[in-house]
Protein backbone atom coordinates (compact mmCIF):
# COMPACT_ATOMS: atom_id res chain seq x y z
CA MET A 1 5.55 -29.32 -27.45
CA ILE A 2 5.60 -25.52 -26.92
CA ILE A 3 3.57 -24.99 -30.10
CA TYR A 4 1.06 -27.56 -28.83
CA TRP A 5 0.55 -25.64 -25.58
CA VAL A 6 0.23 -22.28 -27.33
CA LEU A 7 -2.45 -23.64 -29.67
CA LEU A 8 -4.44 -25.21 -26.86
CA ILE A 9 -4.34 -22.07 -24.67
CA GLY A 10 -5.35 -19.93 -27.64
CA ILE A 11 -8.32 -22.19 -28.33
CA LEU A 12 -9.20 -22.18 -24.64
CA PHE A 13 -9.31 -18.39 -24.31
CA GLN A 14 -10.83 -17.53 -27.70
CA GLY A 15 -14.30 -18.71 -26.69
CA THR A 16 -14.32 -16.76 -23.46
CA ILE A 17 -13.00 -13.35 -24.59
CA CYS A 18 -16.30 -12.29 -26.06
CA GLU A 19 -18.20 -13.59 -23.02
CA GLU A 20 -16.00 -11.61 -20.61
CA LEU A 21 -16.44 -8.40 -22.62
CA ASP A 22 -20.14 -9.07 -23.42
CA ILE A 23 -19.42 -8.81 -27.16
CA ASP A 24 -21.76 -10.30 -29.75
CA GLU A 25 -19.45 -11.35 -32.58
CA SER A 26 -22.35 -11.63 -35.01
CA VAL A 27 -22.86 -7.84 -35.02
CA LEU A 28 -19.23 -6.75 -35.16
CA THR A 29 -18.09 -4.38 -37.85
CA ALA A 30 -15.10 -5.16 -40.02
CA GLU A 31 -12.90 -2.85 -37.96
CA GLU A 32 -14.10 -4.38 -34.69
CA GLU A 33 -13.59 -7.88 -36.08
CA GLU A 34 -10.02 -6.93 -37.01
CA LEU A 35 -9.42 -5.59 -33.48
CA LEU A 36 -10.83 -8.72 -31.86
CA HIS A 37 -9.19 -11.22 -34.26
CA PRO A 38 -6.21 -9.45 -35.91
CA SER A 39 -4.99 -11.08 -39.09
CA GLU A 40 -1.37 -10.49 -38.17
CA PRO A 41 0.28 -10.45 -34.73
CA THR A 42 0.90 -6.94 -33.48
CA ALA A 43 3.56 -5.74 -31.07
CA ALA A 44 2.47 -5.20 -27.48
CA ALA A 45 1.46 -1.58 -26.89
CA PRO A 46 2.98 0.40 -24.00
CA VAL A 47 1.01 0.48 -20.76
CA GLU A 48 0.05 4.11 -21.23
CA ASP A 49 -1.57 3.25 -24.60
CA GLN A 50 -3.64 0.43 -23.13
CA THR A 51 -5.87 2.64 -21.00
CA VAL A 52 -9.63 2.23 -21.33
CA ASN A 53 -11.36 4.67 -23.66
CA TYR A 54 -13.07 7.31 -21.55
CA GLU A 55 -15.67 9.92 -22.35
CA SER A 56 -17.00 12.45 -19.86
CA PRO A 57 -20.46 11.30 -18.75
CA TYR A 58 -23.46 13.41 -19.68
CA ALA A 59 -25.44 14.91 -16.78
CA HIS A 60 -29.06 14.66 -17.83
CA PRO A 61 -30.87 17.70 -16.39
CA GLY A 62 -33.90 15.67 -15.38
CA LYS A 63 -31.92 13.06 -13.45
CA PHE A 64 -29.37 15.03 -11.44
CA HIS A 65 -29.60 17.86 -8.96
CA PHE A 66 -25.84 18.12 -9.29
CA ALA A 67 -23.25 16.26 -11.35
CA GLU A 68 -19.61 17.21 -11.81
CA HIS A 69 -16.85 15.29 -13.61
CA PHE A 70 -14.27 18.16 -13.58
CA ASP A 71 -13.16 17.41 -17.16
CA ASN A 72 -13.89 20.96 -18.35
CA GLU A 73 -11.50 23.45 -16.75
CA GLU A 74 -13.31 26.49 -18.16
CA TYR A 75 -16.64 25.28 -16.79
CA PHE A 76 -15.01 24.58 -13.44
CA THR A 77 -13.79 28.17 -13.03
CA ARG A 78 -17.32 29.47 -13.66
CA ARG A 79 -19.15 26.91 -11.55
CA TRP A 80 -16.97 26.53 -8.44
CA ILE A 81 -16.38 29.43 -6.05
CA LYS A 82 -13.33 29.59 -3.81
CA SER A 83 -13.90 30.91 -0.32
CA THR A 84 -12.21 34.11 0.78
CA ALA A 85 -13.58 33.97 4.32
CA LYS A 86 -11.65 33.90 7.59
CA LYS A 87 -12.12 31.73 10.62
CA ASP A 88 -13.14 33.46 13.83
CA ASP A 89 -10.96 33.66 16.97
CA MET A 90 -7.73 32.78 15.14
CA GLU A 91 -4.54 34.53 14.15
CA GLU A 92 -4.54 36.34 10.82
CA SER A 93 -1.99 33.94 9.29
CA LEU A 94 -4.06 30.90 10.24
CA ALA A 95 -7.57 32.22 9.80
CA LYS A 96 -7.46 32.63 6.02
CA TYR A 97 -8.95 30.07 3.67
CA ASP A 98 -5.94 30.18 1.38
CA GLY A 99 -5.70 26.56 0.33
CA GLU A 100 -4.99 26.08 -3.39
CA TRP A 101 -7.44 24.23 -5.66
CA SER A 102 -6.68 23.04 -9.18
CA VAL A 103 -8.22 20.92 -11.93
CA GLU A 104 -5.62 18.52 -13.29
CA GLU A 105 -4.75 14.94 -14.15
CA PRO A 106 -4.03 12.54 -11.30
CA HIS A 107 -0.44 11.56 -10.58
CA ARG A 108 -1.18 8.17 -12.07
CA GLN A 109 -3.29 8.64 -15.19
CA ILE A 110 -5.79 5.77 -15.34
CA LEU A 111 -8.25 7.03 -17.96
CA ASN A 112 -7.13 9.25 -20.82
CA GLY A 113 -8.76 12.66 -20.58
CA ASP A 114 -10.07 12.20 -17.04
CA LEU A 115 -9.41 15.17 -14.73
CA GLY A 116 -10.21 15.87 -11.10
CA MET A 117 -10.32 18.72 -8.61
CA VAL A 118 -7.19 18.60 -6.46
CA LEU A 119 -6.49 20.27 -3.12
CA LYS A 120 -2.83 21.11 -3.70
CA SER A 121 -1.79 22.56 -0.33
CA LYS A 122 -1.50 21.08 3.12
CA ALA A 123 -1.55 22.57 6.62
CA LYS A 124 -3.85 25.29 5.34
CA HIS A 125 -7.58 25.96 5.54
CA ALA A 126 -9.26 25.38 2.20
CA ALA A 127 -12.89 25.83 1.16
CA ILE A 128 -14.69 25.74 -2.17
CA ALA A 129 -18.36 25.35 -3.08
CA SER A 130 -20.79 25.15 -6.00
CA ARG A 131 -24.51 25.72 -6.21
CA LEU A 132 -26.84 22.85 -7.17
CA ASN A 133 -28.61 22.94 -10.53
CA LYS A 134 -31.82 22.77 -8.55
CA PRO A 135 -32.23 22.58 -4.75
CA PHE A 136 -32.92 19.18 -3.26
CA VAL A 137 -36.14 19.23 -1.22
CA PHE A 138 -36.68 16.25 1.08
CA GLY A 139 -40.02 14.79 0.12
CA ASP A 140 -41.05 11.42 -1.25
CA GLU A 141 -37.84 10.64 -3.17
CA PRO A 142 -34.55 9.30 -1.83
CA LEU A 143 -31.30 11.26 -1.70
CA ILE A 144 -28.20 9.73 -3.25
CA VAL A 145 -24.84 11.43 -2.64
CA GLN A 146 -21.85 9.94 -4.45
CA TYR A 147 -18.28 11.05 -5.11
CA GLU A 148 -14.73 9.80 -5.55
CA VAL A 149 -11.67 10.54 -3.43
CA GLN A 150 -8.08 9.66 -4.25
CA LEU A 151 -5.51 10.35 -1.51
CA GLN A 152 -2.56 10.52 -3.89
CA ASP A 153 -0.03 11.03 -1.07
CA GLY A 154 -1.88 8.92 1.51
CA GLN A 155 -3.34 10.47 4.65
CA GLU A 156 -2.00 10.81 8.19
CA CYS A 157 -4.24 13.51 9.60
CA GLY A 158 -7.10 15.25 7.83
CA GLY A 159 -10.45 14.79 6.17
CA SER A 160 -11.78 14.38 2.64
CA TYR A 161 -15.50 14.75 3.33
CA ILE A 162 -18.04 17.00 1.65
CA LYS A 163 -20.84 19.17 3.04
CA LEU A 164 -24.31 19.61 1.60
CA LEU A 165 -25.02 23.24 2.46
CA SER A 166 -28.46 24.24 3.72
CA SER A 167 -30.67 26.65 1.82
CA GLY A 168 -30.81 30.11 3.40
CA LYS A 169 -29.24 33.52 3.51
CA GLU A 170 -25.96 32.13 4.92
CA THR A 171 -25.35 30.26 1.66
CA THR A 172 -26.34 33.06 -0.70
CA ASP A 173 -22.74 34.26 -1.01
CA LEU A 174 -20.46 31.24 -1.34
CA THR A 175 -17.33 33.38 -1.11
CA LYS A 176 -18.07 33.53 2.64
CA PHE A 177 -18.25 29.75 2.99
CA ASN A 178 -16.48 28.66 6.24
CA ASP A 179 -16.70 26.16 9.06
CA LEU A 180 -19.77 27.92 10.55
CA THR A 181 -21.82 27.89 7.37
CA PRO A 182 -25.01 25.86 7.98
CA TYR A 183 -25.06 22.45 6.37
CA THR A 184 -27.69 19.71 6.24
CA ILE A 185 -25.41 16.67 5.78
CA MET A 186 -21.69 16.05 6.16
CA PHE A 187 -20.46 12.83 4.58
CA GLY A 188 -17.07 11.26 3.87
CA PRO A 189 -13.83 9.83 5.27
CA ASP A 190 -11.65 11.36 7.99
CA LYS A 191 -8.47 10.15 9.66
CA CYS A 192 -5.97 11.36 12.22
CA GLY A 193 -3.44 8.84 13.48
CA ASN A 194 -5.28 5.64 14.37
CA ASP A 195 -8.65 7.38 14.64
CA ILE A 196 -10.43 6.48 11.38
CA LYS A 197 -13.97 7.63 10.65
CA LEU A 198 -16.51 7.63 7.87
CA HIS A 199 -18.69 10.58 8.78
CA PHE A 200 -22.40 10.74 8.27
CA ILE A 201 -23.75 13.68 10.24
CA PHE A 202 -27.10 15.30 9.70
CA LYS A 203 -28.51 18.37 11.39
CA HIS A 204 -31.95 18.00 12.89
CA THR A 205 -34.30 20.88 13.68
CA ASN A 206 -36.28 20.75 16.92
CA PRO A 207 -39.94 21.27 15.95
CA LEU A 208 -40.73 22.81 19.35
CA ASN A 209 -38.14 25.55 19.62
CA GLY A 210 -36.32 25.50 16.27
CA THR A 211 -32.92 24.59 17.74
CA ILE A 212 -30.57 22.58 15.56
CA THR A 213 -28.44 19.66 16.81
CA GLU A 214 -25.95 17.37 15.07
CA LYS A 215 -26.78 13.68 14.87
CA HIS A 216 -23.75 11.41 14.42
CA CYS A 217 -24.09 8.03 12.77
CA ARG A 218 -22.72 4.97 14.54
CA LYS A 219 -19.34 3.68 13.37
CA PRO A 220 -19.29 1.19 10.49
CA LYS A 221 -18.66 -2.43 11.33
CA GLU A 222 -16.48 -2.97 8.27
CA ARG A 223 -12.81 -1.96 8.17
CA ILE A 224 -12.14 1.14 6.06
CA GLU A 225 -8.38 1.66 6.50
CA GLU A 226 -7.28 0.71 2.98
CA PRO A 227 -8.45 3.89 1.16
CA PHE A 228 -6.16 5.99 3.36
CA LYS A 229 -2.96 4.25 2.27
CA ASP A 230 -3.32 2.57 -1.15
CA LYS A 231 -3.35 5.92 -3.10
CA GLN A 232 -6.08 4.65 -5.43
CA PRO A 233 -9.49 6.17 -6.24
CA HIS A 234 -12.40 5.11 -4.03
CA LEU A 235 -16.12 5.63 -4.42
CA TYR A 236 -18.23 6.79 -1.46
CA GLN A 237 -22.01 6.59 -1.67
CA LEU A 238 -24.76 7.60 0.79
CA ILE A 239 -28.40 6.67 0.20
CA LEU A 240 -31.17 8.22 2.35
CA ARG A 241 -34.72 6.98 1.93
CA PRO A 242 -38.09 8.48 2.92
CA ASP A 243 -38.66 5.54 5.29
CA ASN A 244 -35.74 6.91 7.42
CA THR A 245 -33.33 4.12 6.45
CA TYR A 246 -29.84 4.76 5.14
CA THR A 247 -27.09 2.80 3.38
CA ILE A 248 -23.41 3.69 3.07
CA ARG A 249 -21.25 2.01 0.46
CA VAL A 250 -17.53 2.17 -0.26
CA ASP A 251 -16.54 0.90 -3.72
CA HIS A 252 -20.07 -0.54 -4.11
CA LYS A 253 -19.69 -2.56 -0.88
CA VAL A 254 -22.12 -1.88 1.98
CA VAL A 255 -20.16 -0.85 5.07
CA ASN A 256 -22.96 0.66 7.18
CA GLU A 257 -26.75 0.76 7.22
CA GLY A 258 -29.51 1.47 9.69
CA SER A 259 -32.23 3.92 10.67
CA LEU A 260 -32.21 7.67 11.31
CA LEU A 261 -34.45 7.02 14.32
CA THR A 262 -32.30 4.50 16.21
CA ASP A 263 -28.68 4.51 15.01
CA PHE A 264 -27.54 8.07 15.80
CA THR A 265 -26.09 9.84 18.81
CA PRO A 266 -27.90 11.67 20.27
CA PRO A 267 -31.10 10.03 19.01
CA ALA A 268 -33.28 11.96 16.60
CA ASN A 269 -36.14 12.02 19.10
CA PRO A 270 -35.48 12.76 22.80
CA PRO A 271 -36.75 10.36 25.50
CA LYS A 272 -40.29 10.86 26.74
CA PHE A 273 -39.27 10.56 30.41
CA ILE A 274 -36.14 11.86 32.10
CA ASP A 275 -34.65 11.77 35.61
CA ASP A 276 -35.91 14.32 38.10
CA VAL A 277 -32.82 16.37 38.90
CA THR A 278 -34.39 17.52 42.17
CA ASP A 279 -34.74 13.97 43.49
CA VAL A 280 -32.00 13.04 46.03
CA LYS A 281 -31.12 9.60 47.41
CA PRO A 282 -32.20 9.22 51.10
CA ALA A 283 -29.43 9.03 53.67
CA ASP A 284 -30.64 5.64 55.00
CA TRP A 285 -30.90 4.02 51.58
CA ASP A 286 -28.93 0.73 51.69
CA GLU A 287 -27.58 -0.40 48.29
CA ARG A 288 -25.37 -3.21 49.65
CA GLU A 289 -26.35 -6.62 48.36
CA LYS A 290 -23.94 -8.51 50.69
CA ILE A 291 -22.69 -7.70 54.20
CA SER A 292 -20.28 -9.35 56.65
CA ASP A 293 -21.94 -11.85 58.99
CA PRO A 294 -22.20 -9.98 62.33
CA ASP A 295 -22.54 -13.28 64.26
CA ALA A 296 -19.27 -14.77 62.95
CA ASN A 297 -16.21 -14.88 65.25
CA LYS A 298 -12.56 -15.52 64.54
CA PRO A 299 -11.49 -19.07 65.57
CA ASP A 300 -9.20 -19.29 68.61
CA ASP A 301 -6.46 -21.08 66.62
CA TRP A 302 -6.43 -18.45 63.91
CA ASP A 303 -2.98 -16.81 64.06
CA GLU A 304 -2.82 -13.75 61.81
CA ASP A 305 0.88 -13.24 62.61
CA GLU A 306 2.08 -16.38 60.85
CA PRO A 307 4.18 -15.42 57.78
CA PRO A 308 3.27 -16.86 54.36
CA GLN A 309 6.78 -18.44 53.98
CA ILE A 310 9.30 -19.92 56.41
CA PRO A 311 12.88 -21.33 56.09
CA ASP A 312 13.10 -25.01 55.16
CA THR A 313 14.54 -26.65 58.31
CA SER A 314 15.09 -29.96 56.52
CA THR A 315 17.97 -28.54 54.48
CA SER A 316 21.53 -27.89 55.61
CA LYS A 317 24.49 -25.94 54.33
CA PRO A 318 26.35 -27.82 51.56
CA GLU A 319 29.88 -28.97 52.23
CA GLY A 320 32.54 -26.68 50.78
CA TRP A 321 30.45 -23.55 51.24
CA LEU A 322 32.82 -20.57 51.64
CA ASP A 323 31.27 -18.42 54.38
CA ASP A 324 34.17 -15.98 54.54
CA GLU A 325 34.24 -15.22 50.83
CA GLU A 326 32.16 -12.41 49.40
CA THR A 327 30.27 -13.00 46.18
CA MET A 328 31.37 -9.59 44.86
CA ILE A 329 34.82 -8.08 45.40
CA PRO A 330 36.51 -4.84 44.27
CA ASP A 331 38.11 -5.03 40.84
CA ALA A 332 41.87 -5.19 41.45
CA ASN A 333 42.60 -3.96 37.91
CA ALA A 334 40.45 -0.85 38.19
CA VAL A 335 42.26 2.50 38.19
CA LYS A 336 40.88 5.72 39.59
CA PRO A 337 40.15 8.20 36.77
CA GLU A 338 42.55 11.09 36.45
CA ASP A 339 39.77 13.66 36.66
CA TRP A 340 38.33 12.17 39.87
CA ASP A 341 37.79 14.95 42.39
CA PRO A 342 37.30 13.64 45.97
CA GLU A 343 35.67 16.88 47.02
CA MET A 344 33.17 16.71 44.20
CA ASP A 345 32.86 12.98 43.63
CA GLY A 346 33.57 11.60 47.10
CA GLU A 347 35.99 8.85 48.01
CA TRP A 348 36.80 6.68 45.03
CA GLU A 349 36.04 2.98 45.28
CA ALA A 350 36.88 0.34 42.74
CA PRO A 351 33.84 -1.19 41.00
CA LEU A 352 32.73 -4.62 42.18
CA VAL A 353 33.19 -7.75 40.09
CA ALA A 354 32.24 -11.39 40.63
CA ASN A 355 34.55 -13.22 42.99
CA PRO A 356 36.48 -15.76 40.85
CA ILE A 357 36.87 -18.05 43.87
CA CYS A 358 33.10 -18.45 44.11
CA GLU A 359 32.85 -19.65 40.52
CA LYS A 360 34.62 -22.91 41.42
CA ALA A 361 33.07 -23.33 44.87
CA VAL A 362 29.62 -24.59 45.89
CA GLY A 363 28.74 -21.11 47.14
CA CYS A 364 30.02 -18.02 48.97
CA GLY A 365 28.85 -15.60 51.59
CA LEU A 366 26.22 -16.05 54.27
CA TRP A 367 24.26 -19.25 53.68
CA LYS A 368 20.48 -19.14 54.16
CA ALA A 369 18.03 -22.00 54.07
CA PRO A 370 15.56 -21.82 51.15
CA MET A 371 12.03 -20.60 51.89
CA ILE A 372 8.94 -22.83 51.70
CA ALA A 373 5.20 -22.21 52.13
CA ASN A 374 4.11 -21.93 55.73
CA PRO A 375 1.47 -24.61 56.47
CA LYS A 376 0.18 -22.54 59.41
CA TYR A 377 -0.37 -19.38 57.40
CA LYS A 378 -4.02 -18.25 57.18
CA GLY A 379 -3.74 -14.52 56.63
CA LYS A 380 -6.08 -11.82 57.80
CA TRP A 381 -9.37 -13.18 59.16
CA ARG A 382 -12.55 -11.80 57.66
CA ALA A 383 -16.14 -12.65 58.49
CA PRO A 384 -18.02 -14.43 55.69
CA LEU A 385 -20.55 -12.50 53.59
CA ILE A 386 -24.29 -12.98 53.83
CA ASP A 387 -27.30 -11.42 52.09
CA ASN A 388 -28.12 -7.98 53.38
CA PRO A 389 -31.57 -8.11 54.99
CA ASN A 390 -31.90 -4.31 54.57
CA TYR A 391 -31.00 -4.27 50.86
CA GLN A 392 -33.23 -1.79 48.99
CA GLY A 393 -31.79 -2.10 45.51
CA LYS A 394 -29.89 0.40 43.38
CA TRP A 395 -31.28 3.85 43.91
CA ALA A 396 -32.41 5.82 40.86
CA ALA A 397 -34.03 9.20 40.61
CA ARG A 398 -37.70 9.16 39.85
CA LYS A 399 -38.78 9.73 36.27
CA ILE A 400 -40.70 12.76 35.11
CA GLU A 401 -42.06 13.75 31.75
CA ASN A 402 -39.50 15.41 29.54
CA PRO A 403 -40.65 19.00 28.99
CA GLU A 404 -38.61 19.10 25.76
CA PHE A 405 -40.02 15.85 24.39
CA PHE A 406 -41.14 15.72 20.80
CA GLU A 407 -41.65 12.94 18.32
CA ASP A 408 -40.54 13.52 14.77
CA PRO A 409 -41.66 10.45 12.79
CA GLN A 410 -39.69 11.54 9.70
CA PRO A 411 -36.25 12.95 10.50
CA PHE A 412 -35.57 12.24 6.79
CA LYS A 413 -37.29 15.51 5.96
CA MET A 414 -34.30 17.71 6.62
CA THR A 415 -33.46 21.25 5.58
CA THR A 416 -33.40 21.80 1.82
CA ILE A 417 -29.95 21.49 0.22
CA ALA A 418 -28.84 24.42 -1.95
CA ALA A 419 -25.10 23.83 -2.57
CA VAL A 420 -22.25 21.37 -2.16
CA GLY A 421 -19.02 22.45 -0.49
CA ILE A 422 -15.65 21.12 0.65
CA GLU A 423 -14.15 22.75 3.73
CA LEU A 424 -11.00 21.06 5.02
CA TRP A 425 -7.80 21.30 6.97
CA THR A 426 -5.39 18.49 6.22
CA MET A 427 -1.75 17.51 6.59
CA SER A 428 -1.72 15.80 3.17
CA ALA A 429 -1.54 17.54 -0.19
CA ASP A 430 -2.88 16.53 -3.61
CA ILE A 431 -6.24 15.16 -2.46
CA LEU A 432 -8.24 14.53 -5.64
CA PHE A 433 -12.05 14.81 -5.73
CA ASP A 434 -13.98 13.58 -8.75
CA ASN A 435 -17.46 12.70 -10.04
CA ILE A 436 -19.59 14.40 -7.38
CA VAL A 437 -23.23 13.40 -7.93
CA ILE A 438 -26.42 14.38 -6.07
CA THR A 439 -29.62 12.78 -7.33
CA SER A 440 -32.82 11.02 -6.34
CA ASP A 441 -32.38 8.34 -9.02
CA GLU A 442 -30.24 5.47 -7.78
CA ASP A 443 -30.00 3.97 -11.28
CA ALA A 444 -28.64 7.25 -12.62
CA ALA A 445 -25.97 7.27 -9.89
CA ASP A 446 -24.99 3.68 -10.71
CA GLU A 447 -24.85 4.48 -14.43
CA TRP A 448 -22.57 7.45 -13.72
CA ALA A 449 -20.29 5.24 -11.62
CA ALA A 450 -20.20 2.64 -14.41
CA LYS A 451 -18.88 5.26 -16.83
CA THR A 452 -16.28 6.64 -14.42
CA TYR A 453 -15.17 4.79 -11.30
CA ASP A 454 -15.92 1.30 -12.62
CA LEU A 455 -13.79 1.96 -15.71
CA LYS A 456 -10.90 3.03 -13.48
CA ARG A 457 -11.30 -0.06 -11.36
CA LYS A 458 -11.31 -2.34 -14.41
CA GLN A 459 -8.19 -0.68 -15.76
CA LEU A 460 -6.37 -0.99 -12.42
CA ASP A 461 -7.39 -4.63 -12.12
CA ARG A 462 -6.26 -5.29 -15.66
CA GLU A 463 -2.85 -3.79 -15.02
CA SER A 464 -2.35 -5.75 -11.80
CA GLU A 465 -3.84 -9.01 -13.06
CA THR A 466 -1.38 -11.78 -13.94
CA PHE A 467 -1.94 -14.66 -16.32
CA VAL A 468 -2.36 -17.08 -13.41
CA THR A 469 -5.01 -14.97 -11.67
CA ARG A 470 -6.90 -14.53 -14.93
CA LEU A 471 -6.81 -18.27 -15.48
CA ILE A 472 -8.08 -18.92 -11.93
CA ASN A 473 -10.89 -16.38 -12.28
CA LEU A 474 -11.88 -17.84 -15.62
CA THR A 475 -11.93 -21.36 -14.18
CA ASN A 476 -14.09 -20.27 -11.24
CA GLU A 477 -16.60 -18.87 -13.71
CA ASN A 478 -16.41 -21.96 -15.97
CA PRO A 479 -15.86 -25.16 -13.90
CA TRP A 480 -16.00 -27.30 -17.06
CA LEU A 481 -12.51 -26.04 -17.87
CA TRP A 482 -11.11 -28.53 -15.36
CA ALA A 483 -11.84 -31.27 -17.92
CA VAL A 484 -9.92 -29.30 -20.54
CA TYR A 485 -6.97 -28.93 -18.15
CA VAL A 486 -6.90 -32.70 -17.60
CA VAL A 487 -6.77 -33.31 -21.35
CA VAL A 488 -4.28 -30.51 -22.00
CA GLY A 489 -1.99 -31.66 -19.20
CA GLY A 490 -2.53 -35.40 -19.70
CA LEU A 491 -1.72 -35.71 -23.39
CA PRO A 492 1.79 -34.19 -23.19
CA LEU A 493 2.50 -36.34 -20.14
CA ALA A 494 1.36 -39.49 -21.94
CA PHE A 495 3.48 -38.63 -24.98
CA LEU A 496 6.48 -37.99 -22.76
CA LEU A 497 6.14 -41.31 -20.92
CA TYR A 498 5.66 -43.20 -24.17
CA TYR A 499 8.71 -41.55 -25.68
CA CYS A 500 10.89 -42.31 -22.65
CA PHE A 501 9.93 -45.99 -22.38
CA SER A 502 10.04 -46.64 -26.11
CA SER A 503 13.48 -45.01 -26.37
CA SER A 504 14.77 -47.13 -23.48
CA GLY A 505 13.65 -50.41 -25.09
CA LYS A 506 15.06 -49.40 -28.45
CA ASP A 507 18.44 -48.51 -26.96
CA GLN A 508 18.70 -51.90 -25.24
CA SER A 509 17.84 -53.79 -28.43
CA THR A 510 20.35 -51.79 -30.46
CA GLU A 511 23.11 -52.35 -27.93
CA SER A 512 22.50 -56.13 -27.91
CA SER A 513 22.56 -56.41 -31.68
CA ARG A 514 25.79 -54.40 -31.84
CA TYR A 515 27.51 -56.97 -29.65
CA LYS A 516 26.29 -59.85 -31.81
CA LYS A 517 27.06 -58.47 -35.27
CA THR A 518 30.48 -56.89 -34.76
CA ASP A 519 33.89 -57.92 -33.59
CA ASP A 520 34.09 -54.97 -31.17
CA GLN A 521 35.42 -55.66 -27.73
CA VAL A 522 32.51 -56.22 -25.30
CA PRO A 523 32.42 -55.97 -21.52
CA ASP A 524 33.26 -59.09 -19.55
CA ASP A 525 30.40 -60.94 -17.94
CA GLU A 526 29.87 -60.70 -14.24
CA VAL A 527 29.97 -63.67 -11.95
CA ASP A 528 28.25 -63.25 -8.62
CA GLY A 529 28.14 -59.51 -9.14
CA GLN A 530 31.91 -59.22 -9.89
CA PRO A 531 33.39 -58.66 -13.41
CA SER A 532 35.50 -61.53 -14.69
CA SER A 533 39.10 -60.95 -15.84
CA ALA A 534 40.23 -62.16 -19.24
CA SER A 535 43.74 -62.86 -17.91
CA ASN A 536 42.50 -65.05 -15.04
CA LYS A 537 39.76 -67.02 -16.80
CA SER A 538 40.03 -69.65 -19.47
CA SER A 539 38.38 -69.41 -22.81
CA LEU A 540 35.85 -72.01 -21.65
CA ASP A 541 34.38 -69.54 -19.15
CA LYS A 542 33.69 -66.98 -21.86
CA PRO A 543 30.28 -66.91 -23.47
CA VAL A 544 30.49 -68.10 -27.08
CA ASP A 545 27.97 -66.81 -29.50
CA ASP A 546 26.66 -68.78 -32.48
CA ASP A 547 28.89 -67.08 -35.07
CA GLU A 548 32.04 -68.02 -33.19
CA GLU A 549 30.91 -71.66 -32.98
CA ASP A 550 30.44 -71.70 -36.74
CA ASP A 551 33.93 -70.27 -37.23
CA GLU A 552 35.43 -72.97 -35.04
CA GLU A 553 33.69 -75.65 -37.09
CA VAL A 554 35.12 -74.17 -40.30
CA ASP A 555 38.60 -74.07 -38.79
CA THR A 556 38.29 -77.71 -37.68
CA ASN A 557 37.27 -78.85 -41.13
CA ARG A 558 40.18 -77.02 -42.67
CA GLU A 559 42.59 -78.62 -40.21
CA SER A 560 41.27 -82.03 -41.16
CA GLU A 561 41.80 -81.36 -44.83
CA SER A 562 45.30 -80.12 -44.12
CA ASP A 563 46.13 -83.32 -42.19
CA GLU A 564 45.05 -85.43 -45.13
CA ILE A 565 47.29 -83.47 -47.46
CA LYS A 566 50.17 -83.78 -45.04
CA GLU A 567 49.79 -87.55 -44.88
CA ALA A 568 50.16 -87.69 -48.66
CA GLU A 569 53.28 -85.53 -48.71
CA PRO A 570 56.78 -86.63 -47.52
CA ALA A 571 57.37 -86.37 -43.83
CA GLU A 572 59.13 -83.28 -42.55
CA PRO A 573 60.86 -82.61 -39.28
CA ALA A 574 58.35 -81.91 -36.53
CA ALA A 575 57.95 -78.38 -35.35
CA PRO A 576 58.90 -77.47 -31.81
CA ALA A 577 56.29 -78.41 -29.23
CA GLU A 578 55.76 -74.84 -28.02
CA GLN A 579 55.04 -73.48 -31.52
CA PRO A 580 51.33 -73.34 -32.12
CA SER A 581 49.79 -74.83 -35.21
CA GLU A 582 48.91 -72.68 -38.17
CA GLY A 583 45.19 -73.20 -37.66
CA ALA A 584 45.32 -72.26 -33.97
CA LYS A 585 47.69 -69.39 -34.53
CA LYS A 586 45.87 -67.58 -37.33
CA ARG A 587 42.16 -67.05 -37.68
CA LYS A 588 40.40 -66.22 -40.89
CA PRO A 589 38.60 -62.83 -40.87
CA ARG A 590 34.84 -63.02 -40.78
CA LYS A 591 32.75 -61.45 -43.45
CA ASP A 592 29.56 -59.87 -42.21
């Protein structure tokens, strides 16, 4: 039965392996055919040897403004510049950007040969930056920013966002990169306690006076807590389009989208009209919608002094109530502490305990009738409300034209991006950054993710996937498998039922024949559900089978022959009456 199941499951999965992996078996090489269908069973490889084959993706110069996989440590040291700046208005020990950066394998190696840039230290300021291969100028092409973050120790308080640094003299020397360095976009996750954010901030330049203000994207509607605690790699992607729309994805799932014109605080464009700050509400302006009726009078029978509750006069004190007994009495077993000082602690009194007499009585102490609602209670009288005839509505200052109004139809056209930087302060160490991509080709970004993050995700899913979940997923993709399951499960069940019932019938037949063809002792028959006793029942009550009847006939014939012989012979003294005859006493063995 086990072999049957193994064969059926093997047949079931063989046809779907190539479909799941998108493999065309007709073009496989001999080595690939051997890997897919090995001639001999091989021992299961260790988990570390089952990782997906990984090769560092190639950054095509014409497709990427910036692409970094961090797999080349020597290239990293030449390309990335650690900041040596200091923060202003802070103590010397805290102002330094002395956080440690390193290129290394993640704690949990998912892809062989895959490295990442890790912020090793916590509770320190850390900053590092790298110049783009070519500046990104906002024109007629979209901007795609994409990178991975793996919080290997989780995150309680700190960020893991990146900054796209603006082109200008402040970003010429990246060793001076700090929190005041101008940036065009800040994007990525941030968390402190229960405050969880996915930043998307862009800086907008006022076309009238050249001032720059930060515009903060609205919060995502989707929940984004999981990346801060599962310690797995996650992919963050921001897409900005020339039509001023944006899309934010986490692990390829859209978590936020909208417009640069309407979904930011403060808005990209200021209002055309604003309140006149010199306008003041008149003193006689009446904003009350309702007023007390001035013509209403309190009724003469309205008594405001009636209490809300009164004693129930229909009740009386129960019999056996002990008025003279207190509910609480001093504890007679209590002893004054030895260190009790009357001058410091006052006169000592024994603590109170429940009166044991009251436990057996109906009640103790002063009896009071229970309280009930007072039917005469009306409370404080107030005149009813009516519409205010002098109501003038809610006052608002008059509107005037906004002297700072401007209308920027394309806030997408931001300041040119010259470099990418990471400037953080966090309470978690070992934050791993990987596969930072800046491009205007969305397909190129997706292809890069397919060669990096998607491989990691497949490997993680493969390691966590059980046989049952794989079977369920396969069935969801191929509903026709339900028919196979019915056949696979039905045949063994049918065989089992057939075997059980056929064995039962055979056993009964064998048992019956054994009773008929042997002289073995058999169980007594039952009469009215009770077994009969051989000592209490006569031989007539016993069932006689056909063979025994034949034996009795043979014995009878032999007795008759013996009688004839005896008649011919001389008479002999008769045997005692209690001695049984030879034929009745001895029975000839039966030959089967």
